[in-house]
PDB file of N, CA and C in Angstrom:
ATOM      1  N   MET A   1      83.054  98.542 112.341  1.00  0.00           N
ATOM      2  CA  MET A   1      84.479  98.093 112.363  1.00  0.00           C
ATOM      3  C   MET A   1      85.425  99.154 112.882  1.00  0.00           C
ATOM      4  N   SER A   2      86.274  98.692 113.625  1.00  0.00           N
ATOM      5  CA  SER A   2      87.206  99.599 114.364  1.00  0.00           C
ATOM      6  C   SER A   2      88.428  99.895 113.389  1.00  0.00           C
ATOM      7  N   ASN A   3      88.927 101.156 113.517  1.00  0.00           N
ATOM      8  CA  ASN A   3      90.074 101.480 112.727  1.00  0.00           C
ATOM      9  C   ASN A   3      91.189 101.337 113.626  1.00  0.00           C
ATOM     10  N   ASP A   4      91.704 100.084 113.753  1.00  0.00           N
ATOM     11  CA  ASP A   4      92.829  99.733 114.595  1.00  0.00           C
ATOM     12  C   ASP A   4      94.190  99.702 113.469  1.00  0.00           C
ATOM     13  N   ASN A   5      94.742 100.778 113.465  1.00  0.00           N
ATOM     14  CA  ASN A   5      96.038 100.829 112.570  1.00  0.00           C
ATOM     15  C   ASN A   5      97.239 100.554 113.424  1.00  0.00           C
ATOM     16  N   HIS A   6      98.281  99.991 112.747  1.00  0.00           N
ATOM     17  CA  HIS A   6      99.563  99.720 113.407  1.00  0.00           C
ATOM     18  C   HIS A   6     100.547 100.421 112.470  1.00  0.00           C
ATOM     19  N   ASN A   7     101.384 101.033 113.189  1.00  0.00           N
ATOM     20  CA  ASN A   7     102.557 101.843 112.484  1.00  0.00           C
ATOM     21  C   ASN A   7     103.846 101.070 112.559  1.00  0.00           C
ATOM     22  N   LEU A   8     104.448 101.027 111.443  1.00  0.00           N
ATOM     23  CA  LEU A   8     105.792 100.238 111.315  1.00  0.00           C
ATOM     24  C   LEU A   8     106.877 101.343 111.062  1.00  0.00           C
ATOM     25  N   GLU A   9     107.889 101.313 111.780  1.00  0.00           N
ATOM     26  CA  GLU A   9     108.842 102.324 111.605  1.00  0.00           C
ATOM     27  C   GLU A   9     110.283 101.438 110.959  1.00  0.00           C
ATOM     28  N   VAL A  10     110.736 101.835 109.811  1.00  0.00           N
ATOM     29  CA  VAL A  10     111.646 101.313 109.085  1.00  0.00           C
ATOM     30  C   VAL A  10     112.840 102.019 108.983  1.00  0.00           C
ATOM     31  N   SER A  11     114.098 101.562 109.365  1.00  0.00           N
ATOM     32  CA  SER A  11     115.334 102.392 109.451  1.00  0.00           C
ATOM     33  C   SER A  11     115.658 102.999 107.999  1.00  0.00           C
ATOM     34  N   LYS A  12     116.179 104.018 107.905  1.00  0.00           N
ATOM     35  CA  LYS A  12     116.514 104.827 106.673  1.00  0.00           C
ATOM     36  C   LYS A  12     117.518 103.798 105.944  1.00  0.00           C
ATOM     37  N   GLU A  13     118.334 103.343 106.573  1.00  0.00           N
ATOM     38  CA  GLU A  13     119.402 102.497 106.057  1.00  0.00           C
ATOM     39  C   GLU A  13     118.868 101.163 105.419  1.00  0.00           C
ATOM     40  N   GLY A  14     117.805 100.688 105.926  1.00  0.00           N
ATOM     41  CA  GLY A  14     117.133  99.471 105.314  1.00  0.00           C
ATOM     42  C   GLY A  14     115.847  99.700 104.582  1.00  0.00           C
ATOM     43  N   LEU A  15     115.625 100.952 104.281  1.00  0.00           N
ATOM     44  CA  LEU A  15     114.330 101.220 103.588  1.00  0.00           C
ATOM     45  C   LEU A  15     114.297 100.572 102.270  1.00  0.00           C
ATOM     46  N   GLU A  16     115.299 100.636 101.396  1.00  0.00           N
ATOM     47  CA  GLU A  16     115.248 100.124 100.068  1.00  0.00           C
ATOM     48  C   GLU A  16     115.135  98.675 100.112  1.00  0.00           C
ATOM     49  N   ALA A  17     115.893  97.838 100.977  1.00  0.00           N
ATOM     50  CA  ALA A  17     115.833  96.481 101.143  1.00  0.00           C
ATOM     51  C   ALA A  17     114.397  96.157 101.495  1.00  0.00           C
ATOM     52  N   PHE A  18     113.806  96.866 102.564  1.00  0.00           N
ATOM     53  CA  PHE A  18     112.440  96.530 103.015  1.00  0.00           C
ATOM     54  C   PHE A  18     111.509  96.687 101.918  1.00  0.00           C
ATOM     55  N   VAL A  19     111.608  97.720 101.098  1.00  0.00           N
ATOM     56  CA  VAL A  19     110.604  98.093 100.056  1.00  0.00           C
ATOM     57  C   VAL A  19     110.856  96.819  98.946  1.00  0.00           C
ATOM     58  N   LEU A  20     112.045  96.541  98.678  1.00  0.00           N
ATOM     59  CA  LEU A  20     112.253  95.413  97.632  1.00  0.00           C
ATOM     60  C   LEU A  20     111.574  94.094  98.151  1.00  0.00           C
ATOM     61  N   CYS A  21     111.906  93.787  99.410  1.00  0.00           N
ATOM     62  CA  CYS A  21     111.223  92.612  99.787  1.00  0.00           C
ATOM     63  C   CYS A  21     109.814  92.523  99.837  1.00  0.00           C
ATOM     64  N   LEU A  22     109.227  93.752 100.318  1.00  0.00           N
ATOM     65  CA  LEU A  22     107.739  93.885 100.371  1.00  0.00           C
ATOM     66  C   LEU A  22     107.201  93.781  98.909  1.00  0.00           C
ATOM     67  N   ALA A  23     107.863  94.396  97.888  1.00  0.00           N
ATOM     68  CA  ALA A  23     107.393  94.481  96.565  1.00  0.00           C
ATOM     69  C   ALA A  23     107.526  92.958  95.962  1.00  0.00           C
ATOM     70  N   LEU A  24     108.735  92.343  96.192  1.00  0.00           N
ATOM     71  CA  LEU A  24     108.866  90.946  95.773  1.00  0.00           C
ATOM     72  C   LEU A  24     107.870  89.919  96.318  1.00  0.00           C
ATOM     73  N   GLY A  25     107.504  90.252  97.550  1.00  0.00           N
ATOM     74  CA  GLY A  25     106.452  89.345  98.183  1.00  0.00           C
ATOM     75  C   GLY A  25     105.012  89.525  97.509  1.00  0.00           C
ATOM     76  N   THR A  26     104.785  90.837  97.303  1.00  0.00           N
ATOM     77  CA  THR A  26     103.548  91.174  96.644  1.00  0.00           C
ATOM     78  C   THR A  26     103.476  90.580  95.290  1.00  0.00           C
ATOM     79  N   LEU A  27     104.502  90.791  94.476  1.00  0.00           N
ATOM     80  CA  LEU A  27     104.478  90.285  93.083  1.00  0.00           C
ATOM     81  C   LEU A  27     104.521  88.711  93.098  1.00  0.00           C
ATOM     82  N   GLU A  28     105.167  88.068  93.933  1.00  0.00           N
ATOM     83  CA  GLU A  28     105.138  86.690  94.028  1.00  0.00           C
ATOM     84  C   GLU A  28     103.746  86.247  94.409  1.00  0.00           C
ATOM     85  N   ALA A  29     103.121  86.739  95.446  1.00  0.00           N
ATOM     86  CA  ALA A  29     101.665  86.408  95.700  1.00  0.00           C
ATOM     87  C   ALA A  29     100.776  86.625  94.606  1.00  0.00           C
ATOM     88  N   ILE A  30     100.899  87.664  93.712  1.00  0.00           N
ATOM     89  CA  ILE A  30     100.157  87.878  92.528  1.00  0.00           C
ATOM     90  C   ILE A  30     100.549  86.760  91.524  1.00  0.00           C
ATOM     91  N   ARG A  31     101.652  86.451  91.220  1.00  0.00           N
ATOM     92  CA  ARG A  31     102.103  85.498  90.291  1.00  0.00           C
ATOM     93  C   ARG A  31     101.594  84.207  90.581  1.00  0.00           C
ATOM     94  N   SER A  32     101.623  83.704  91.829  1.00  0.00           N
ATOM     95  CA  SER A  32     101.198  82.503  92.452  1.00  0.00           C
ATOM     96  C   SER A  32      99.593  82.322  92.478  1.00  0.00           C
ATOM     97  N   ARG A  33      98.919  83.394  92.196  1.00  0.00           N
ATOM     98  CA  ARG A  33      97.598  83.574  92.272  1.00  0.00           C
ATOM     99  C   ARG A  33      97.002  83.522  93.684  1.00  0.00           C
ATOM    100  N   ALA A  34      97.786  83.770  94.644  1.00  0.00           N
ATOM    101  CA  ALA A  34      97.244  83.990  95.931  1.00  0.00           C
ATOM    102  C   ALA A  34      96.528  85.155  96.090  1.00  0.00           C
ATOM    103  N   TRP A  35      96.952  86.213  95.381  1.00  0.00           N
ATOM    104  CA  TRP A  35      96.294  87.562  95.195  1.00  0.00           C
ATOM    105  C   TRP A  35      96.071  87.908  93.697  1.00  0.00           C
ATOM    106  N   ASN A  36      94.921  88.623  93.637  1.00  0.00           N
ATOM    107  CA  ASN A  36      94.569  88.994  92.158  1.00  0.00           C
ATOM    108  C   ASN A  36      95.519  90.107  91.829  1.00  0.00           C
ATOM    109  N   PRO A  37      95.633  90.491  90.498  1.00  0.00           N
ATOM    110  CA  PRO A  37      96.427  91.480  90.160  1.00  0.00           C
ATOM    111  C   PRO A  37      96.161  93.010  90.628  1.00  0.00           C
ATOM    112  N   ASP A  38      94.776  93.112  91.128  1.00  0.00           N
ATOM    113  CA  ASP A  38      94.397  94.334  91.612  1.00  0.00           C
ATOM    114  C   ASP A  38      95.333  94.606  93.039  1.00  0.00           C
ATOM    115  N   ALA A  39      95.841  93.625  93.686  1.00  0.00           N
ATOM    116  CA  ALA A  39      96.510  93.795  94.777  1.00  0.00           C
ATOM    117  C   ALA A  39      97.734  94.846  94.711  1.00  0.00           C
ATOM    118  N   GLY A  40      98.359  94.897  93.497  1.00  0.00           N
ATOM    119  CA  GLY A  40      99.225  95.879  93.250  1.00  0.00           C
ATOM    120  C   GLY A  40      98.818  97.231  93.294  1.00  0.00           C
ATOM    121  N   VAL A  41      97.539  97.461  92.809  1.00  0.00           N
ATOM    122  CA  VAL A  41      97.056  98.876  93.017  1.00  0.00           C
ATOM    123  C   VAL A  41      96.800  99.274  94.446  1.00  0.00           C
ATOM    124  N   TRP A  42      96.375  98.352  95.380  1.00  0.00           N
ATOM    125  CA  TRP A  42      95.970  98.647  96.707  1.00  0.00           C
ATOM    126  C   TRP A  42      97.098  98.455  97.727  1.00  0.00           C
ATOM    127  N   THR A  43      98.210  98.089  97.109  1.00  0.00           N
ATOM    128  CA  THR A  43      99.345  97.852  98.112  1.00  0.00           C
ATOM    129  C   THR A  43     100.446  98.817  97.607  1.00  0.00           C
ATOM    130  N   ILE A  44     101.458  98.329  96.993  1.00  0.00           N
ATOM    131  CA  ILE A  44     102.713  99.126  96.799  1.00  0.00           C
ATOM    132  C   ILE A  44     102.446 100.190  95.632  1.00  0.00           C
ATOM    133  N   GLY A  45     101.292  99.919  94.875  1.00  0.00           N
ATOM    134  CA  GLY A  45     100.951 100.890  93.929  1.00  0.00           C
ATOM    135  C   GLY A  45     100.245 102.242  94.446  1.00  0.00           C
ATOM    136  N   ARG A  46      99.924 102.248  95.737  1.00  0.00           N
ATOM    137  CA  ARG A  46      99.287 103.437  96.376  1.00  0.00           C
ATOM    138  C   ARG A  46     100.133 104.683  96.344  1.00  0.00           C
ATOM    139  N   PRO A  47      99.574 105.784  95.852  1.00  0.00           N
ATOM    140  CA  PRO A  47     100.368 107.117  95.870  1.00  0.00           C
ATOM    141  C   PRO A  47     100.961 107.221  97.157  1.00  0.00           C
ATOM    142  N   ARG A  48     100.262 107.076  98.364  1.00  0.00           N
ATOM    143  CA  ARG A  48     100.825 107.417  99.643  1.00  0.00           C
ATOM    144  C   ARG A  48     102.025 106.526 100.117  1.00  0.00           C
ATOM    145  N   PHE A  49     102.020 105.310  99.462  1.00  0.00           N
ATOM    146  CA  PHE A  49     103.246 104.417  99.782  1.00  0.00           C
ATOM    147  C   PHE A  49     104.329 104.837  98.749  1.00  0.00           C
ATOM    148  N   LYS A  50     103.968 105.337  97.644  1.00  0.00           N
ATOM    149  CA  LYS A  50     105.065 105.613  96.576  1.00  0.00           C
ATOM    150  C   LYS A  50     105.751 106.875  96.850  1.00  0.00           C
ATOM    151  N   SER A  51     105.139 107.894  97.429  1.00  0.00           N
ATOM    152  CA  SER A  51     105.598 109.115  97.719  1.00  0.00           C
ATOM    153  C   SER A  51     106.805 109.329  98.323  1.00  0.00           C
ATOM    154  N   LEU A  52     107.005 108.531  99.266  1.00  0.00           N
ATOM    155  CA  LEU A  52     108.380 108.614 100.084  1.00  0.00           C
ATOM    156  C   LEU A  52     109.460 107.840  99.204  1.00  0.00           C
ATOM    157  N   LEU A  53     109.097 106.902  98.430  1.00  0.00           N
ATOM    158  CA  LEU A  53     110.105 106.333  97.598  1.00  0.00           C
ATOM    159  C   LEU A  53     110.632 107.208  96.485  1.00  0.00           C
ATOM    160  N   GLU A  54     109.719 108.043  96.033  1.00  0.00           N
ATOM    161  CA  GLU A  54     110.138 108.940  95.026  1.00  0.00           C
ATOM    162  C   GLU A  54     111.153 110.064  95.469  1.00  0.00           C
ATOM    163  N   LYS A  55     111.148 110.227  96.739  1.00  0.00           N
ATOM    164  CA  LYS A  55     112.102 111.171  97.357  1.00  0.00           C
ATOM    165  C   LYS A  55     113.248 110.529  97.970  1.00  0.00           C
ATOM    166  N   SER A  56     113.395 109.244  97.752  1.00  0.00           N
ATOM    167  CA  SER A  56     114.509 108.421  98.460  1.00  0.00           C
ATOM    168  C   SER A  56     115.546 108.040  97.401  1.00  0.00           C
ATOM    169  N   ASN A  57     115.549 108.438  96.280  1.00  0.00           N
ATOM    170  CA  ASN A  57     116.551 108.103  95.280  1.00  0.00           C
ATOM    171  C   ASN A  57     116.806 106.696  94.966  1.00  0.00           C
ATOM    172  N   PHE A  58     115.579 105.965  94.820  1.00  0.00           N
ATOM    173  CA  PHE A  58     115.550 104.610  94.406  1.00  0.00           C
ATOM    174  C   PHE A  58     115.973 104.646  93.009  1.00  0.00           C
ATOM    175  N   PRO A  59     116.667 103.474  92.595  1.00  0.00           N
ATOM    176  CA  PRO A  59     117.079 103.296  91.121  1.00  0.00           C
ATOM    177  C   PRO A  59     115.765 103.622  90.187  1.00  0.00           C
ATOM    178  N   GLU A  60     116.117 104.053  89.090  1.00  0.00           N
ATOM    179  CA  GLU A  60     115.009 104.257  88.130  1.00  0.00           C
ATOM    180  C   GLU A  60     114.316 102.921  87.725  1.00  0.00           C
ATOM    181  N   ASN A  61     115.081 101.874  87.602  1.00  0.00           N
ATOM    182  CA  ASN A  61     114.407 100.634  87.138  1.00  0.00           C
ATOM    183  C   ASN A  61     113.508 100.111  88.202  1.00  0.00           C
ATOM    184  N   VAL A  62     113.784 100.273  89.567  1.00  0.00           N
ATOM    185  CA  VAL A  62     113.053  99.800  90.563  1.00  0.00           C
ATOM    186  C   VAL A  62     111.803 100.712  90.608  1.00  0.00           C
ATOM    187  N   MET A  63     111.942 101.978  90.584  1.00  0.00           N
ATOM    188  CA  MET A  63     110.690 102.915  90.561  1.00  0.00           C
ATOM    189  C   MET A  63     109.770 102.586  89.358  1.00  0.00           C
ATOM    190  N   ALA A  64     110.338 102.139  88.277  1.00  0.00           N
ATOM    191  CA  ALA A  64     109.510 101.764  87.233  1.00  0.00           C
ATOM    192  C   ALA A  64     108.670 100.589  87.418  1.00  0.00           C
ATOM    193  N   VAL A  65     109.236  99.605  88.127  1.00  0.00           N
ATOM    194  CA  VAL A  65     108.537  98.509  88.512  1.00  0.00           C
ATOM    195  C   VAL A  65     107.228  98.833  89.556  1.00  0.00           C
ATOM    196  N   ILE A  66     107.715  99.777  90.490  1.00  0.00           N
ATOM    197  CA  ILE A  66     106.776 100.200  91.403  1.00  0.00           C
ATOM    198  C   ILE A  66     105.642 100.869  90.771  1.00  0.00           C
ATOM    199  N   GLU A  67     105.941 101.813  89.732  1.00  0.00           N
ATOM    200  CA  GLU A  67     105.017 102.531  88.979  1.00  0.00           C
ATOM    201  C   GLU A  67     104.034 101.546  88.143  1.00  0.00           C
ATOM    202  N   GLN A  68     104.662 100.488  87.664  1.00  0.00           N
ATOM    203  CA  GLN A  68     103.990  99.632  86.802  1.00  0.00           C
ATOM    204  C   GLN A  68     102.962  98.661  87.451  1.00  0.00           C
ATOM    205  N   VAL A  69     103.309  98.534  88.824  1.00  0.00           N
ATOM    206  CA  VAL A  69     102.425  97.384  89.531  1.00  0.00           C
ATOM    207  C   VAL A  69     100.882  97.815  89.530  1.00  0.00           C
ATOM    208  N   ASP A  70     100.594  99.021  89.510  1.00  0.00           N
ATOM    209  CA  ASP A  70      99.162  99.432  89.502  1.00  0.00           C
ATOM    210  C   ASP A  70      98.585  99.146  88.116  1.00  0.00           C
ATOM    211  N   GLU A  71      99.326  98.756  87.160  1.00  0.00           N
ATOM    212  CA  GLU A  71      98.843  98.535  85.667  1.00  0.00           C
ATOM    213  C   GLU A  71      98.713  97.006  85.435  1.00  0.00           C
ATOM    214  N   LEU A  72      98.977  96.117  86.396  1.00  0.00           N
ATOM    215  CA  LEU A  72      98.929  94.671  86.150  1.00  0.00           C
ATOM    216  C   LEU A  72      97.576  94.151  85.775  1.00  0.00           C
ATOM    217  N   SER A  73      96.571  94.641  86.407  1.00  0.00           N
ATOM    218  CA  SER A  73      95.310  94.131  85.960  1.00  0.00           C
ATOM    219  C   SER A  73      94.976  94.462  84.669  1.00  0.00           C
ATOM    220  N   ALA A  74      95.208  95.630  84.252  1.00  0.00           N
ATOM    221  CA  ALA A  74      94.907  96.190  82.847  1.00  0.00           C
ATOM    222  C   ALA A  74      95.796  95.481  81.959  1.00  0.00           C
ATOM    223  N   ILE A  75      97.116  95.332  82.111  1.00  0.00           N
ATOM    224  CA  ILE A  75      97.947  94.443  81.306  1.00  0.00           C
ATOM    225  C   ILE A  75      97.335  93.045  81.062  1.00  0.00           C
ATOM    226  N   GLN A  76      96.906  92.401  82.203  1.00  0.00           N
ATOM    227  CA  GLN A  76      96.201  91.087  82.041  1.00  0.00           C
ATOM    228  C   GLN A  76      95.048  91.139  81.119  1.00  0.00           C
ATOM    229  N   LYS A  77      94.159  92.177  81.389  1.00  0.00           N
ATOM    230  CA  LYS A  77      92.819  92.266  80.736  1.00  0.00           C
ATOM    231  C   LYS A  77      93.126  92.640  79.211  1.00  0.00           C
ATOM    232  N   PHE A  78      93.860  93.625  78.963  1.00  0.00           N
ATOM    233  CA  PHE A  78      94.000  94.151  77.526  1.00  0.00           C
ATOM    234  C   PHE A  78      95.084  93.521  76.610  1.00  0.00           C
ATOM    235  N   ASP A  79      96.202  93.056  77.331  1.00  0.00           N
ATOM    236  CA  ASP A  79      97.272  92.536  76.526  1.00  0.00           C
ATOM    237  C   ASP A  79      97.439  91.045  76.588  1.00  0.00           C
ATOM    238  N   GLY A  80      96.611  90.419  77.417  1.00  0.00           N
ATOM    239  CA  GLY A  80      96.562  88.928  77.433  1.00  0.00           C
ATOM    240  C   GLY A  80      97.493  88.424  78.599  1.00  0.00           C
ATOM    241  N   VAL A  81      97.345  87.098  78.709  1.00  0.00           N
ATOM    242  CA  VAL A  81      98.056  86.281  79.805  1.00  0.00           C
ATOM    243  C   VAL A  81      99.600  86.282  79.545  1.00  0.00           C
ATOM    244  N   ASP A  82      99.993  86.071  78.246  1.00  0.00           N
ATOM    245  CA  ASP A  82     101.358  86.018  78.061  1.00  0.00           C
ATOM    246  C   ASP A  82     102.125  87.367  78.428  1.00  0.00           C
ATOM    247  N   ALA A  83     101.475  88.497  77.994  1.00  0.00           N
ATOM    248  CA  ALA A  83     102.204  89.815  78.239  1.00  0.00           C
ATOM    249  C   ALA A  83     102.212  90.067  79.743  1.00  0.00           C
ATOM    250  N   TYR A  84     101.143  89.693  80.420  1.00  0.00           N
ATOM    251  CA  TYR A  84     101.036  89.755  81.922  1.00  0.00           C
ATOM    252  C   TYR A  84     102.024  89.014  82.548  1.00  0.00           C
ATOM    253  N   SER A  85     102.143  87.707  82.274  1.00  0.00           N
ATOM    254  CA  SER A  85     103.238  86.836  82.902  1.00  0.00           C
ATOM    255  C   SER A  85     104.636  87.253  82.624  1.00  0.00           C
ATOM    256  N   LYS A  86     104.885  87.841  81.350  1.00  0.00           N
ATOM    257  CA  LYS A  86     106.238  88.440  81.083  1.00  0.00           C
ATOM    258  C   LYS A  86     106.512  89.608  81.953  1.00  0.00           C
ATOM    259  N   CYS A  87     105.488  90.553  82.144  1.00  0.00           N
ATOM    260  CA  CYS A  87     105.646  91.664  82.911  1.00  0.00           C
ATOM    261  C   CYS A  87     105.886  91.323  84.321  1.00  0.00           C
ATOM    262  N   LEU A  88     105.154  90.354  84.921  1.00  0.00           N
ATOM    263  CA  LEU A  88     105.368  89.921  86.222  1.00  0.00           C
ATOM    264  C   LEU A  88     107.051  89.474  86.350  1.00  0.00           C
ATOM    265  N   ASP A  89     107.184  88.562  85.488  1.00  0.00           N
ATOM    266  CA  ASP A  89     108.578  87.839  85.348  1.00  0.00           C
ATOM    267  C   ASP A  89     109.710  88.951  85.414  1.00  0.00           C
ATOM    268  N   GLN A  90     109.521  89.977  84.513  1.00  0.00           N
ATOM    269  CA  GLN A  90     110.570  91.028  84.355  1.00  0.00           C
ATOM    270  C   GLN A  90     110.559  91.964  85.700  1.00  0.00           C
ATOM    271  N   SER A  91     109.558  92.171  86.135  1.00  0.00           N
ATOM    272  CA  SER A  91     109.448  93.014  87.338  1.00  0.00           C
ATOM    273  C   SER A  91     110.222  92.192  88.559  1.00  0.00           C
ATOM    274  N   ILE A  92     109.858  90.960  88.738  1.00  0.00           N
ATOM    275  CA  ILE A  92     110.492  90.284  89.683  1.00  0.00           C
ATOM    276  C   ILE A  92     111.962  90.170  89.526  1.00  0.00           C
ATOM    277  N   ALA A  93     112.330  90.042  88.247  1.00  0.00           N
ATOM    278  CA  ALA A  93     113.858  89.893  88.005  1.00  0.00           C
ATOM    279  C   ALA A  93     114.480  91.195  88.261  1.00  0.00           C
ATOM    280  N   VAL A  94     113.873  92.332  88.039  1.00  0.00           N
ATOM    281  CA  VAL A  94     114.574  93.636  88.333  1.00  0.00           C
ATOM    282  C   VAL A  94     114.729  93.821  89.798  1.00  0.00           C
ATOM    283  N   LEU A  95     113.740  93.435  90.477  1.00  0.00           N
ATOM    284  CA  LEU A  95     113.669  93.595  91.960  1.00  0.00           C
ATOM    285  C   LEU A  95     114.826  92.682  92.586  1.00  0.00           C
ATOM    286  N   THR A  96     114.716  91.436  92.101  1.00  0.00           N
ATOM    287  CA  THR A  96     115.691  90.452  92.671  1.00  0.00           C
ATOM    288  C   THR A  96     117.118  90.846  92.468  1.00  0.00           C
ATOM    289  N   GLU A  97     117.417  91.418  91.297  1.00  0.00           N
ATOM    290  CA  GLU A  97     118.766  91.809  90.759  1.00  0.00           C
ATOM    291  C   GLU A  97     119.295  92.798  91.703  1.00  0.00           C
ATOM    292  N   ARG A  98     118.238  93.937  92.037  1.00  0.00           N
ATOM    293  CA  ARG A  98     118.694  95.039  92.832  1.00  0.00           C
ATOM    294  C   ARG A  98     118.838  94.505  94.247  1.00  0.00           C
ATOM    295  N   LEU A  99     118.078  93.534  94.757  1.00  0.00           N
ATOM    296  CA  LEU A  99     118.127  93.210  96.103  1.00  0.00           C
ATOM    297  C   LEU A  99     119.495  92.380  96.249  1.00  0.00           C
ATOM    298  N   LYS A 100     119.954  91.713  95.200  1.00  0.00           N
ATOM    299  CA  LYS A 100     121.389  91.078  95.179  1.00  0.00           C
ATOM    300  C   LYS A 100     122.453  92.077  95.530  1.00  0.00           C
ATOM    301  N   GLU A 101     122.193  93.292  94.829  1.00  0.00           N
ATOM    302  CA  GLU A 101     123.165  94.351  95.087  1.00  0.00           C
ATOM    303  C   GLU A 101     123.227  94.896  96.458  1.00  0.00           C
ATOM    304  N   LEU A 102     122.110  94.721  97.182  1.00  0.00           N
ATOM    305  CA  LEU A 102     121.999  95.079  98.530  1.00  0.00           C
ATOM    306  C   LEU A 102     122.226  93.863  99.505  1.00  0.00           C
ATOM    307  N   SER A 103     122.867  92.849  99.156  1.00  0.00           N
ATOM    308  CA  SER A 103     122.832  91.588  99.934  1.00  0.00           C
ATOM    309  C   SER A 103     123.288  91.750 101.331  1.00  0.00           C
ATOM    310  N   ASP A 104     124.125  92.734 101.536  1.00  0.00           N
ATOM    311  CA  ASP A 104     124.632  92.974 103.000  1.00  0.00           C
ATOM    312  C   ASP A 104     123.829  94.066 103.733  1.00  0.00           C
ATOM    313  N   GLN A 105     122.690  94.484 103.167  1.00  0.00           N
ATOM    314  CA  GLN A 105     121.961  95.472 103.827  1.00  0.00           C
ATOM    315  C   GLN A 105     120.596  94.985 104.269  1.00  0.00           C
ATOM    316  N   TYR A 106     120.549  94.566 105.502  1.00  0.00           N
ATOM    317  CA  TYR A 106     119.198  94.011 105.950  1.00  0.00           C
ATOM    318  C   TYR A 106     118.291  95.213 106.489  1.00  0.00           C
ATOM    319  N   TRP A 107     117.008  94.814 106.427  1.00  0.00           N
ATOM    320  CA  TRP A 107     116.142  95.900 106.800  1.00  0.00           C
ATOM    321  C   TRP A 107     115.845  95.731 108.256  1.00  0.00           C
ATOM    322  N   TYR A 108     115.516  96.714 109.100  1.00  0.00           N
ATOM    323  CA  TYR A 108     115.055  96.655 110.471  1.00  0.00           C
ATOM    324  C   TYR A 108     113.858  97.387 110.648  1.00  0.00           C
ATOM    325  N   ALA A 109     112.887  96.879 111.013  1.00  0.00           N
ATOM    326  CA  ALA A 109     111.438  97.467 111.332  1.00  0.00           C
ATOM    327  C   ALA A 109     110.949  97.200 112.705  1.00  0.00           C
ATOM    328  N   GLY A 110     110.257  98.169 113.200  1.00  0.00           N
ATOM    329  CA  GLY A 110     109.617  97.914 114.495  1.00  0.00           C
ATOM    330  C   GLY A 110     108.261  98.604 114.573  1.00  0.00           C
ATOM    331  N   TRP A 111     107.524  98.128 115.433  1.00  0.00           N
ATOM    332  CA  TRP A 111     106.105  98.699 115.535  1.00  0.00           C
ATOM    333  C   TRP A 111     106.279  99.985 116.420  1.00  0.00           C
ATOM    334  N   THR A 112     105.725 101.045 116.106  1.00  0.00           N
ATOM    335  CA  THR A 112     106.022 102.292 116.876  1.00  0.00           C
ATOM    336  C   THR A 112     104.753 102.450 117.978  1.00  0.00           C
ATOM    337  N   ASN A 113     103.650 101.796 117.774  1.00  0.00           N
ATOM    338  CA  ASN A 113     102.504 102.054 118.634  1.00  0.00           C
ATOM    339  C   ASN A 113     102.361 100.800 119.687  1.00  0.00           C
ATOM    340  N   GLN A 114     103.475 100.163 119.761  1.00  0.00           N
ATOM    341  CA  GLN A 114     103.522  98.923 120.762  1.00  0.00           C
ATOM    342  C   GLN A 114     104.477  99.293 121.898  1.00  0.00           C
ATOM    343  N   LEU A 115     103.873  99.340 123.050  1.00  0.00           N
ATOM    344  CA  LEU A 115     104.738  99.566 124.229  1.00  0.00           C
ATOM    345  C   LEU A 115     105.721  98.272 124.547  1.00  0.00           C
ATOM    346  N   PRO A 116     106.984  98.596 124.703  1.00  0.00           N
ATOM    347  CA  PRO A 116     107.797  97.423 125.048  1.00  0.00           C
ATOM    348  C   PRO A 116     107.405  96.834 126.377  1.00  0.00           C
ATOM    349  N   THR A 117     107.720  95.678 126.360  1.00  0.00           N
ATOM    350  CA  THR A 117     107.513  94.849 127.666  1.00  0.00           C
ATOM    351  C   THR A 117     108.680  95.183 128.612  1.00  0.00           C
ATOM    352  N   GLU A 118     108.507  94.817 129.816  1.00  0.00           N
ATOM    353  CA  GLU A 118     109.523  95.049 130.879  1.00  0.00           C
ATOM    354  C   GLU A 118     110.933  94.556 130.309  1.00  0.00           C
ATOM    355  N   ASN A 119     111.040  93.292 129.970  1.00  0.00           N
ATOM    356  CA  ASN A 119     112.217  92.569 129.555  1.00  0.00           C
ATOM    357  C   ASN A 119     112.842  93.341 128.347  1.00  0.00           C
ATOM    358  N   GLU A 120     111.880  93.726 127.354  1.00  0.00           N
ATOM    359  CA  GLU A 120     112.455  94.274 126.197  1.00  0.00           C
ATOM    360  C   GLU A 120     112.965  95.731 126.392  1.00  0.00           C
ATOM    361  N   SER A 121     112.433  96.471 127.410  1.00  0.00           N
ATOM    362  CA  SER A 121     112.820  97.775 127.696  1.00  0.00           C
ATOM    363  C   SER A 121     114.220  97.983 128.257  1.00  0.00           C
ATOM    364  N   GLN A 122     114.670  96.760 128.818  1.00  0.00           N
ATOM    365  CA  GLN A 122     116.020  96.655 129.334  1.00  0.00           C
ATOM    366  C   GLN A 122     117.096  96.250 128.409  1.00  0.00           C
ATOM    367  N   LYS A 123     116.574  95.819 127.080  1.00  0.00           N
ATOM    368  CA  LYS A 123     117.673  95.503 126.112  1.00  0.00           C
ATOM    369  C   LYS A 123     118.224  96.653 125.350  1.00  0.00           C
ATOM    370  N   PRO A 124     119.527  96.585 124.941  1.00  0.00           N
ATOM    371  CA  PRO A 124     119.943  97.667 124.244  1.00  0.00           C
ATOM    372  C   PRO A 124     119.094  97.932 122.934  1.00  0.00           C
ATOM    373  N   ALA A 125     119.228  99.290 122.561  1.00  0.00           N
ATOM    374  CA  ALA A 125     118.209  99.775 121.438  1.00  0.00           C
ATOM    375  C   ALA A 125     118.319  98.889 120.246  1.00  0.00           C
ATOM    376  N   ALA A 126     119.694  98.467 119.968  1.00  0.00           N
ATOM    377  CA  ALA A 126     119.789  97.802 118.638  1.00  0.00           C
ATOM    378  C   ALA A 126     119.244  96.390 118.765  1.00  0.00           C
ATOM    379  N   ASP A 127     118.940  95.833 119.789  1.00  0.00           N
ATOM    380  CA  ASP A 127     118.297  94.467 119.964  1.00  0.00           C
ATOM    381  C   ASP A 127     116.853  94.591 120.005  1.00  0.00           C
ATOM    382  N   ARG A 128     116.302  95.757 120.021  1.00  0.00           N
ATOM    383  CA  ARG A 128     114.716  95.793 120.118  1.00  0.00           C
ATOM    384  C   ARG A 128     114.149  95.889 118.974  1.00  0.00           C
TER     385      ARG A 128
END
């Protein structure tokens, strides 16, 4: 299997909105059972992902959700389905409320390992 990585560059101004959207999507996928609860551990719960967020002054309640996402499978297993569902609902509510506070801050991301096409290289930087 080839190790074909793709690098995504996210603007500093849009980092929190990007992370909130990514975390919301992940939690919604888990809640809808498209992904199992372990997905939290292997995606937004990874230390490598969280390390930048810890240095970026994210609100405490958002960081608490990010920290808790790697415990979802344990909550489901040991505390039961009701506690698990309540945890997911509360986490989604926290992230949704914070995203509402950033409603005018959109995220911008671009692939850093992709060469621009001839037409794209002629566009102003903000449009790429």
